[in-house]
Amino acid sequence: MAFREIDDDLWEIVQKYLPPTKPHIGRPRCDPRRLFNGILYVLTTGCSWLDVPAKYGTKSTVHRYHLELCEKGVYQAIFLDLLRSGYAIKKIDLSHCATDTKDIPAKKGDQRAMMAIKR
C-alpha cells in the first residue's frame, strides 16, 4: 500500500486530540504533524520503527510519540470522532454490513448454559 501523508482536512480533526506541546524548556519538541506522519508511515507500510524516514524525525522520537498517544487514548478518541462524523455526513451506512460469527463460541447442548437460560 502506498503511503500518503495526512491532508489538511484530516489534520484539523486529529490536531484537536494531540497532547499540548510542553513549554520551551531544553530541546524544543518536533512538529507534531511530522511525528504523526511518521507514525502513519510505519503503520501503513508495515516497516519497523528503525526504517522511519529521517524527514519524520528520529526513529526513537517517532516511536516515543506513538507510545505517548497510546497511553493517553488519543487513537481511540480520533477513531470515535471520525466514526461519528462519518455517520453525520452519511459516509457510513451499516445497512450493508455483515458479521462473521465463526469465532463466537456456541453453547451446543451445554447443560449449564441451558439452565442459565431457563432461569
N, C-alpha and C. Protein backbone atom coordinates (compact mmCIF):
# COMPACT_ATOMS: atom_id res chain seq x y z
N MET A 1 0.85 -1.18 0.00
CA MET A 1 0.00 0.00 0.00
C MET A 1 0.90 1.24 0.00
N ALA A 2 0.60 2.16 -0.87
CA ALA A 2 1.38 3.39 -0.95
C ALA A 2 1.03 4.31 0.21
N PHE A 3 2.02 5.01 0.69
CA PHE A 3 1.81 5.92 1.82
C PHE A 3 1.54 7.33 1.32
N ARG A 4 0.51 7.94 1.90
CA ARG A 4 0.21 9.35 1.64
C ARG A 4 0.17 10.06 2.98
N GLU A 5 0.82 11.21 3.06
CA GLU A 5 0.79 11.98 4.30
C GLU A 5 -0.61 12.51 4.55
N ILE A 6 -0.87 12.82 5.80
CA ILE A 6 -2.19 13.29 6.23
C ILE A 6 -2.49 14.64 5.58
N ASP A 7 -3.70 14.79 5.07
CA ASP A 7 -4.07 16.05 4.41
C ASP A 7 -4.57 17.07 5.44
N ASP A 8 -4.78 18.29 5.00
CA ASP A 8 -5.15 19.39 5.90
C ASP A 8 -6.50 19.18 6.58
N ASP A 9 -7.47 18.62 5.86
CA ASP A 9 -8.80 18.41 6.45
C ASP A 9 -8.75 17.40 7.59
N LEU A 10 -8.06 16.30 7.36
CA LEU A 10 -7.94 15.28 8.40
C LEU A 10 -7.07 15.78 9.55
N TRP A 11 -6.06 16.58 9.23
CA TRP A 11 -5.19 17.12 10.28
C TRP A 11 -5.98 18.01 11.24
N GLU A 12 -6.95 18.75 10.74
CA GLU A 12 -7.78 19.59 11.61
C GLU A 12 -8.50 18.75 12.66
N ILE A 13 -8.94 17.56 12.29
CA ILE A 13 -9.62 16.68 13.24
C ILE A 13 -8.62 16.08 14.21
N VAL A 14 -7.52 15.56 13.70
CA VAL A 14 -6.51 14.88 14.53
C VAL A 14 -5.88 15.84 15.53
N GLN A 15 -5.58 17.03 15.10
CA GLN A 15 -4.86 18.02 15.90
C GLN A 15 -5.55 18.31 17.23
N LYS A 16 -6.87 18.25 17.25
CA LYS A 16 -7.62 18.54 18.47
C LYS A 16 -7.29 17.58 19.60
N TYR A 17 -6.90 16.36 19.27
CA TYR A 17 -6.72 15.31 20.27
C TYR A 17 -5.27 15.11 20.70
N LEU A 18 -4.35 15.74 20.02
CA LEU A 18 -2.94 15.57 20.36
C LEU A 18 -2.61 16.31 21.65
N PRO A 19 -1.70 15.75 22.44
CA PRO A 19 -1.33 16.43 23.69
C PRO A 19 -0.69 17.78 23.40
N PRO A 20 -0.91 18.75 24.28
CA PRO A 20 -0.31 20.08 24.06
C PRO A 20 1.20 20.00 24.13
N THR A 21 1.84 20.89 23.39
CA THR A 21 3.30 20.92 23.45
C THR A 21 3.72 21.50 24.79
N LYS A 22 4.83 20.99 25.27
CA LYS A 22 5.33 21.43 26.57
C LYS A 22 5.96 22.82 26.43
N PRO A 23 6.03 23.55 27.54
CA PRO A 23 6.70 24.85 27.48
C PRO A 23 8.16 24.67 27.06
N HIS A 24 8.69 25.68 26.47
CA HIS A 24 10.05 25.59 25.94
C HIS A 24 11.07 25.53 27.07
N ILE A 25 11.42 24.30 27.43
CA ILE A 25 12.50 24.06 28.39
C ILE A 25 13.39 23.02 27.75
N GLY A 26 14.62 23.35 27.51
CA GLY A 26 15.51 22.41 26.85
C GLY A 26 15.25 22.36 25.36
N ARG A 27 15.42 21.18 24.81
CA ARG A 27 15.25 20.99 23.37
C ARG A 27 13.77 21.10 22.99
N PRO A 28 13.44 21.90 21.96
CA PRO A 28 12.03 22.02 21.55
C PRO A 28 11.52 20.72 20.94
N ARG A 29 10.24 20.48 21.13
CA ARG A 29 9.61 19.27 20.60
C ARG A 29 9.50 19.37 19.08
N CYS A 30 9.58 18.23 18.43
CA CYS A 30 9.42 18.19 16.97
C CYS A 30 7.99 18.56 16.60
N ASP A 31 7.80 18.90 15.34
CA ASP A 31 6.49 19.23 14.81
C ASP A 31 5.56 18.03 14.95
N PRO A 32 4.42 18.18 15.65
CA PRO A 32 3.52 17.04 15.85
C PRO A 32 2.98 16.43 14.55
N ARG A 33 2.78 17.25 13.56
CA ARG A 33 2.28 16.72 12.28
C ARG A 33 3.32 15.82 11.63
N ARG A 34 4.57 16.23 11.70
CA ARG A 34 5.65 15.41 11.16
C ARG A 34 5.74 14.08 11.89
N LEU A 35 5.66 14.13 13.22
CA LEU A 35 5.71 12.91 14.02
C LEU A 35 4.52 11.99 13.71
N PHE A 36 3.34 12.59 13.60
CA PHE A 36 2.14 11.80 13.31
C PHE A 36 2.25 11.15 11.94
N ASN A 37 2.79 11.87 10.96
CA ASN A 37 3.01 11.29 9.64
C ASN A 37 4.02 10.15 9.71
N GLY A 38 5.02 10.27 10.58
CA GLY A 38 5.99 9.19 10.78
C GLY A 38 5.33 7.95 11.34
N ILE A 39 4.42 8.13 12.29
CA ILE A 39 3.67 7.01 12.85
C ILE A 39 2.81 6.36 11.77
N LEU A 40 2.11 7.19 11.01
CA LEU A 40 1.26 6.66 9.93
C LEU A 40 2.09 5.93 8.88
N TYR A 41 3.32 6.40 8.64
CA TYR A 41 4.20 5.74 7.69
C TYR A 41 4.48 4.31 8.13
N VAL A 42 4.83 4.14 9.40
CA VAL A 42 5.13 2.81 9.92
C VAL A 42 3.89 1.92 9.88
N LEU A 43 2.75 2.46 10.30
CA LEU A 43 1.52 1.67 10.35
C LEU A 43 1.00 1.31 8.96
N THR A 44 1.21 2.19 7.99
CA THR A 44 0.72 1.95 6.64
C THR A 44 1.63 1.00 5.86
N THR A 45 2.93 1.22 5.95
CA THR A 45 3.86 0.42 5.16
C THR A 45 4.21 -0.90 5.83
N GLY A 46 4.05 -0.98 7.14
CA GLY A 46 4.40 -2.21 7.85
C GLY A 46 5.87 -2.33 8.14
N CYS A 47 6.63 -1.26 7.94
CA CYS A 47 8.06 -1.31 8.22
C CYS A 47 8.29 -1.24 9.73
N SER A 48 9.51 -1.47 10.14
CA SER A 48 9.84 -1.36 11.57
C SER A 48 10.14 0.10 11.90
N TRP A 49 10.18 0.38 13.19
CA TRP A 49 10.48 1.74 13.62
C TRP A 49 11.88 2.17 13.17
N LEU A 50 12.75 1.21 12.97
CA LEU A 50 14.12 1.52 12.52
C LEU A 50 14.13 2.12 11.12
N ASP A 51 13.09 1.83 10.33
CA ASP A 51 13.05 2.28 8.93
C ASP A 51 12.26 3.56 8.70
N VAL A 52 11.94 4.28 9.76
CA VAL A 52 11.21 5.55 9.61
C VAL A 52 12.11 6.54 8.86
N PRO A 53 11.62 7.14 7.78
CA PRO A 53 12.44 8.13 7.07
C PRO A 53 12.82 9.30 7.98
N ALA A 54 14.01 9.80 7.79
CA ALA A 54 14.56 10.87 8.65
C ALA A 54 13.72 12.14 8.59
N LYS A 55 12.97 12.36 7.52
CA LYS A 55 12.18 13.59 7.42
C LYS A 55 11.06 13.65 8.46
N TYR A 56 10.71 12.51 9.07
CA TYR A 56 9.68 12.49 10.11
C TYR A 56 10.25 12.59 11.52
N GLY A 57 11.54 12.58 11.63
CA GLY A 57 12.19 12.63 12.94
C GLY A 57 12.96 11.34 13.17
N THR A 58 13.65 11.27 14.30
CA THR A 58 14.41 10.06 14.59
C THR A 58 13.45 8.93 14.94
N LYS A 59 13.92 7.71 14.74
CA LYS A 59 13.06 6.54 14.99
C LYS A 59 12.61 6.50 16.44
N SER A 60 13.49 6.88 17.36
CA SER A 60 13.11 6.84 18.78
C SER A 60 12.11 7.92 19.13
N THR A 61 12.22 9.08 18.52
CA THR A 61 11.28 10.17 18.78
C THR A 61 9.89 9.82 18.26
N VAL A 62 9.83 9.29 17.05
CA VAL A 62 8.54 8.92 16.46
C VAL A 62 7.90 7.80 17.29
N HIS A 63 8.69 6.81 17.68
CA HIS A 63 8.16 5.70 18.47
C HIS A 63 7.71 6.17 19.85
N ARG A 64 8.48 7.03 20.47
CA ARG A 64 8.11 7.56 21.79
C ARG A 64 6.80 8.36 21.71
N TYR A 65 6.63 9.12 20.64
CA TYR A 65 5.39 9.88 20.45
C TYR A 65 4.21 8.93 20.25
N HIS A 66 4.43 7.86 19.51
CA HIS A 66 3.39 6.85 19.32
C HIS A 66 2.98 6.24 20.66
N LEU A 67 3.94 5.91 21.50
CA LEU A 67 3.64 5.34 22.82
C LEU A 67 2.87 6.34 23.69
N GLU A 68 3.24 7.62 23.60
CA GLU A 68 2.54 8.65 24.37
C GLU A 68 1.07 8.76 23.92
N LEU A 69 0.85 8.71 22.60
CA LEU A 69 -0.52 8.78 22.09
C LEU A 69 -1.32 7.54 22.51
N CYS A 70 -0.66 6.39 22.55
CA CYS A 70 -1.34 5.16 23.00
C CYS A 70 -1.75 5.28 24.46
N GLU A 71 -0.83 5.73 25.30
CA GLU A 71 -1.10 5.84 26.74
C GLU A 71 -2.23 6.81 27.05
N LYS A 72 -2.33 7.87 26.26
CA LYS A 72 -3.34 8.90 26.53
C LYS A 72 -4.66 8.63 25.83
N GLY A 73 -4.77 7.52 25.10
CA GLY A 73 -6.04 7.18 24.44
C GLY A 73 -6.38 8.07 23.26
N VAL A 74 -5.37 8.66 22.66
CA VAL A 74 -5.60 9.60 21.55
C VAL A 74 -6.17 8.88 20.33
N TYR A 75 -5.66 7.68 20.03
CA TYR A 75 -6.13 6.97 18.85
C TYR A 75 -7.61 6.62 18.95
N GLN A 76 -8.05 6.21 20.13
CA GLN A 76 -9.46 5.88 20.31
C GLN A 76 -10.33 7.12 20.13
N ALA A 77 -9.89 8.25 20.66
CA ALA A 77 -10.65 9.50 20.54
C ALA A 77 -10.75 9.93 19.07
N ILE A 78 -9.65 9.83 18.34
CA ILE A 78 -9.65 10.19 16.92
C ILE A 78 -10.58 9.26 16.15
N PHE A 79 -10.48 7.96 16.42
CA PHE A 79 -11.33 6.99 15.72
C PHE A 79 -12.80 7.27 15.97
N LEU A 80 -13.18 7.52 17.22
CA LEU A 80 -14.58 7.78 17.52
C LEU A 80 -15.08 9.06 16.87
N ASP A 81 -14.23 10.09 16.84
CA ASP A 81 -14.62 11.34 16.17
C ASP A 81 -14.82 11.11 14.68
N LEU A 82 -13.91 10.38 14.03
CA LEU A 82 -14.06 10.11 12.60
C LEU A 82 -15.28 9.24 12.34
N LEU A 83 -15.55 8.30 13.23
CA LEU A 83 -16.73 7.45 13.09
C LEU A 83 -18.01 8.27 13.20
N ARG A 84 -18.08 9.14 14.20
CA ARG A 84 -19.27 9.99 14.37
C ARG A 84 -19.47 10.92 13.17
N SER A 85 -18.37 11.51 12.72
CA SER A 85 -18.51 12.42 11.58
C SER A 85 -18.87 11.66 10.31
N GLY A 86 -18.44 10.40 10.19
CA GLY A 86 -18.83 9.57 9.05
C GLY A 86 -20.32 9.29 9.04
N TYR A 87 -20.89 9.06 10.22
CA TYR A 87 -22.35 8.88 10.31
C TYR A 87 -23.06 10.19 9.98
N ALA A 88 -22.53 11.30 10.49
CA ALA A 88 -23.19 12.59 10.31
C ALA A 88 -23.26 13.00 8.84
N ILE A 89 -22.22 12.72 8.08
CA ILE A 89 -22.23 13.12 6.66
C ILE A 89 -22.67 11.97 5.76
N LYS A 90 -23.20 10.92 6.37
CA LYS A 90 -23.77 9.77 5.66
C LYS A 90 -22.75 9.05 4.78
N LYS A 91 -21.49 9.02 5.25
CA LYS A 91 -20.45 8.25 4.56
C LYS A 91 -20.40 6.82 5.08
N ILE A 92 -21.02 6.58 6.23
CA ILE A 92 -21.07 5.25 6.82
C ILE A 92 -22.51 4.79 6.82
N ASP A 93 -22.74 3.63 6.24
CA ASP A 93 -24.08 3.07 6.17
C ASP A 93 -24.00 1.61 6.60
N LEU A 94 -24.50 1.31 7.78
CA LEU A 94 -24.41 -0.04 8.31
C LEU A 94 -25.50 -0.98 7.78
N SER A 95 -26.34 -0.51 6.88
CA SER A 95 -27.39 -1.38 6.35
C SER A 95 -26.82 -2.47 5.44
N HIS A 96 -25.56 -2.32 5.03
CA HIS A 96 -24.94 -3.31 4.15
C HIS A 96 -23.80 -4.05 4.84
N CYS A 97 -23.86 -4.19 6.15
CA CYS A 97 -22.80 -4.85 6.90
C CYS A 97 -23.17 -6.28 7.24
N ALA A 98 -22.16 -7.09 7.44
CA ALA A 98 -22.37 -8.48 7.86
C ALA A 98 -21.38 -8.78 8.97
N THR A 99 -21.74 -9.71 9.82
CA THR A 99 -20.88 -10.11 10.92
C THR A 99 -20.47 -11.55 10.73
N ASP A 100 -19.19 -11.82 10.84
CA ASP A 100 -18.69 -13.18 10.75
C ASP A 100 -18.71 -13.76 12.17
N THR A 101 -19.48 -14.79 12.37
CA THR A 101 -19.66 -15.33 13.72
C THR A 101 -18.86 -16.59 13.97
N LYS A 102 -17.90 -16.92 13.14
CA LYS A 102 -17.18 -18.17 13.31
C LYS A 102 -16.35 -18.20 14.60
N ASP A 103 -15.97 -17.05 15.13
CA ASP A 103 -15.17 -17.01 16.34
C ASP A 103 -15.99 -16.85 17.61
N ILE A 104 -17.31 -16.85 17.49
CA ILE A 104 -18.18 -16.73 18.66
C ILE A 104 -18.54 -18.14 19.11
N PRO A 105 -18.18 -18.49 20.35
CA PRO A 105 -18.46 -19.87 20.79
C PRO A 105 -19.96 -20.13 20.91
N ALA A 106 -20.37 -21.30 20.49
CA ALA A 106 -21.76 -21.72 20.61
C ALA A 106 -21.89 -22.66 21.79
N LYS A 107 -23.00 -22.63 22.47
CA LYS A 107 -23.24 -23.45 23.66
C LYS A 107 -24.05 -24.69 23.28
N LYS A 108 -23.59 -25.47 22.35
CA LYS A 108 -24.33 -26.61 21.83
C LYS A 108 -24.62 -27.63 22.93
N GLY A 109 -25.80 -27.58 23.49
CA GLY A 109 -26.23 -28.57 24.46
C GLY A 109 -25.57 -28.50 25.81
N ASP A 110 -24.84 -27.46 26.09
CA ASP A 110 -24.20 -27.33 27.40
C ASP A 110 -25.28 -27.17 28.45
N GLN A 111 -25.35 -28.10 29.40
CA GLN A 111 -26.42 -28.10 30.40
C GLN A 111 -26.38 -26.85 31.28
N ARG A 112 -25.19 -26.38 31.61
CA ARG A 112 -25.09 -25.16 32.44
C ARG A 112 -25.64 -23.96 31.70
N ALA A 113 -25.35 -23.88 30.42
CA ALA A 113 -25.86 -22.76 29.62
C ALA A 113 -27.38 -22.85 29.50
N MET A 114 -27.90 -24.06 29.33
CA MET A 114 -29.35 -24.24 29.21
C MET A 114 -30.04 -23.87 30.53
N MET A 115 -29.44 -24.22 31.65
CA MET A 115 -30.01 -23.89 32.96
C MET A 115 -30.02 -22.37 33.17
N ALA A 116 -28.96 -21.71 32.71
CA ALA A 116 -28.88 -20.26 32.87
C ALA A 116 -29.96 -19.58 32.04
N ILE A 117 -30.26 -20.15 30.89
CA ILE A 117 -31.28 -19.56 30.01
C ILE A 117 -32.67 -19.73 30.64
N LYS A 118 -32.92 -20.89 31.25
CA LYS A 118 -34.24 -21.18 31.83
C LYS A 118 -34.52 -20.31 33.06
N ARG A 119 -33.51 -19.89 33.75
CA ARG A 119 -33.71 -19.08 34.98
C ARG A 119 -34.13 -17.74 34.58
